Amino acid sequence: MERKIRVLVAKAGLDGHDRGAKVVAAALRDAGMEVIYTGLRQTPEMIVGAAVQEDVDAIGISLLSGAHMTIFPKVLSLMKEKGLGDVLLFGGGIIPDKDINALKEMGVGELFTPGTLTSDIVKYIHDWMNKRPMR
């Protein structure tokens, strides 16, 4: 039997708005993925620690607070430190195009802005998993 894709969905920083993250988590679950939702106000250390513990394939971070240029690089750094270089880091929220480009250059995967169809997020994760070497 094929192993389910495991995705950690997190709300980082002080942002208290989690509706979008919950909608994405539900869509991923409905698409057959195993989803671990960490809840609100997670630090980069908490997110990466949970990713290690849960042996996830992908980490999705929702950010509406404007802290994306701090949170994503810190998570990437911790992922490398903990040996999670083969784990996808993607996210979403209100992120300006110039910052999206900068974050992608650092190694963050796709960044989804408000209005993105959840089916597009599901397809992105499936496509990424299909291109990735088996773990």
Protein backbone atom coordinates (compact mmCIF):
# COMPACT_ATOMS: atom_id res chain seq x y z
CA MET A 1 0.00 0.00 0.00
CA GLU A 2 1.28 3.45 -0.90
CA ARG A 3 2.18 5.74 1.99
CA LYS A 4 0.00 8.81 2.35
CA ILE A 5 1.56 12.20 1.80
CA ARG A 6 2.10 13.79 5.22
CA VAL A 7 1.74 17.57 5.44
CA LEU A 8 2.25 19.80 8.46
CA VAL A 9 0.13 22.97 8.32
CA ALA A 10 1.16 25.76 10.70
CA LYS A 11 0.24 29.31 11.62
CA ALA A 12 3.48 31.08 12.42
CA GLY A 13 4.06 34.13 14.55
CA LEU A 14 1.48 36.27 16.27
CA ASP A 15 -1.12 36.12 13.51
CA GLY A 16 -4.38 34.91 15.03
CA HIS A 17 -6.36 34.37 11.82
CA ASP A 18 -6.46 30.67 11.02
CA ARG A 19 -9.49 30.23 8.76
CA GLY A 20 -7.35 29.96 5.61
CA ALA A 21 -5.00 27.44 7.19
CA LYS A 22 -7.94 25.33 8.34
CA VAL A 23 -9.52 25.45 4.86
CA VAL A 24 -6.24 24.32 3.27
CA ALA A 25 -5.76 21.60 5.89
CA ALA A 26 -9.28 20.28 5.23
CA ALA A 27 -8.74 20.35 1.44
CA LEU A 28 -5.47 18.41 1.75
CA ARG A 29 -7.15 15.89 4.04
CA ASP A 30 -10.08 15.56 1.61
CA ALA A 31 -7.51 14.88 -1.14
CA GLY A 32 -6.23 11.88 0.82
CA MET A 33 -3.24 13.46 2.53
CA GLU A 34 -2.45 13.01 6.19
CA VAL A 35 -2.50 16.48 7.75
CA ILE A 36 -1.01 17.61 11.04
CA TYR A 37 -2.35 21.04 12.01
CA THR A 38 -0.22 22.70 14.68
CA GLY A 39 -2.57 25.52 15.58
CA LEU A 40 -1.90 29.20 16.18
CA ARG A 41 1.20 31.15 17.20
CA GLN A 42 3.88 28.63 16.30
CA THR A 43 7.56 29.57 16.36
CA PRO A 44 9.89 28.35 13.61
CA GLU A 45 11.46 26.01 16.20
CA MET A 46 8.07 24.54 17.08
CA ILE A 47 7.16 24.07 13.41
CA VAL A 48 10.40 22.30 12.48
CA GLY A 49 10.34 20.24 15.68
CA ALA A 50 6.84 19.01 14.84
CA ALA A 51 7.92 18.28 11.25
CA VAL A 52 10.78 16.11 12.50
CA GLN A 53 8.58 14.31 15.03
CA GLU A 54 5.79 13.69 12.50
CA ASP A 55 8.13 12.69 9.63
CA VAL A 56 6.33 14.94 7.14
CA ASP A 57 6.84 15.29 3.41
CA ALA A 58 5.83 18.95 3.34
CA ILE A 59 5.40 21.95 5.62
CA GLY A 60 2.82 24.59 4.78
CA ILE A 61 2.95 27.88 6.65
CA SER A 62 0.16 30.43 6.65
CA LEU A 63 1.22 34.02 7.31
CA LEU A 64 -0.88 37.16 7.27
CA SER A 65 1.19 39.17 9.75
CA GLY A 66 3.85 40.52 7.38
CA ALA A 67 6.61 38.49 9.06
CA HIS A 68 7.19 36.24 6.03
CA MET A 69 10.72 37.56 5.35
CA THR A 70 11.69 36.56 8.89
CA ILE A 71 9.71 33.35 9.45
CA PHE A 72 10.35 31.50 6.16
CA PRO A 73 14.17 32.00 6.17
CA LYS A 74 14.34 30.90 9.81
CA VAL A 75 12.27 27.78 9.09
CA LEU A 76 14.47 26.98 6.07
CA SER A 77 17.59 27.35 8.19
CA LEU A 78 16.22 25.08 10.91
CA MET A 79 15.09 22.53 8.31
CA LYS A 80 18.63 22.33 6.93
CA GLU A 81 20.04 22.08 10.45
CA LYS A 82 17.69 19.17 11.27
CA GLY A 83 18.29 17.31 8.00
CA LEU A 84 14.97 18.14 6.37
CA GLY A 85 16.44 19.24 3.05
CA ASP A 86 14.13 16.84 1.19
CA VAL A 87 10.97 18.27 2.77
CA LEU A 88 8.90 20.79 0.80
CA LEU A 89 8.35 24.18 2.45
CA PHE A 90 5.45 26.08 0.93
CA GLY A 91 3.07 28.68 2.23
CA GLY A 92 0.45 31.26 1.73
CA GLY A 93 -0.94 34.53 2.88
CA ILE A 94 -0.62 38.17 2.02
CA ILE A 95 2.87 38.31 0.54
CA PRO A 96 4.00 40.93 -2.02
CA ASP A 97 5.27 39.60 -5.37
CA LYS A 98 8.82 40.92 -4.79
CA ASP A 99 8.97 39.00 -1.51
CA ILE A 100 7.52 35.87 -3.12
CA ASN A 101 10.35 35.95 -5.67
CA ALA A 102 12.99 36.51 -2.96
CA LEU A 103 11.64 33.66 -0.82
CA LYS A 104 11.57 31.27 -3.79
CA GLU A 105 15.19 32.16 -4.55
CA MET A 106 16.02 31.17 -0.94
CA GLY A 107 14.45 27.75 -1.45
CA VAL A 108 10.82 28.17 -0.41
CA GLY A 109 8.40 26.37 -2.73
CA GLU A 110 5.20 27.89 -4.02
CA LEU A 111 3.56 30.72 -2.09
CA PHE A 112 -0.19 30.95 -2.52
CA THR A 113 -1.98 34.26 -2.16
CA PRO A 114 -5.64 34.88 -1.21
CA GLY A 115 -8.07 33.57 -3.79
CA THR A 116 -5.98 30.53 -4.76
CA LEU A 117 -8.11 27.45 -5.38
CA THR A 118 -7.40 24.69 -2.89
CA SER A 119 -7.31 22.27 -5.83
CA ASP A 120 -4.27 24.19 -7.12
CA ILE A 121 -2.50 23.64 -3.79
CA VAL A 122 -3.35 19.92 -3.83
CA LYS A 123 -2.07 19.61 -7.42
CA TYR A 124 1.14 21.46 -6.54
CA ILE A 125 1.92 19.10 -3.66
CA HIS A 126 1.12 16.00 -5.74
CA ASP A 127 3.29 17.28 -8.62
CA TRP A 128 6.16 18.06 -6.22
CA MET A 129 5.90 14.61 -4.63
CA ASN A 130 5.93 12.89 -8.03
CA LYS A 131 9.17 14.69 -8.99
CA ARG A 132 10.93 13.98 -5.70
CA PRO A 133 13.14 10.95 -5.15
CA MET A 134 11.62 8.31 -2.87
CA ARG A 135 12.54 8.60 0.82
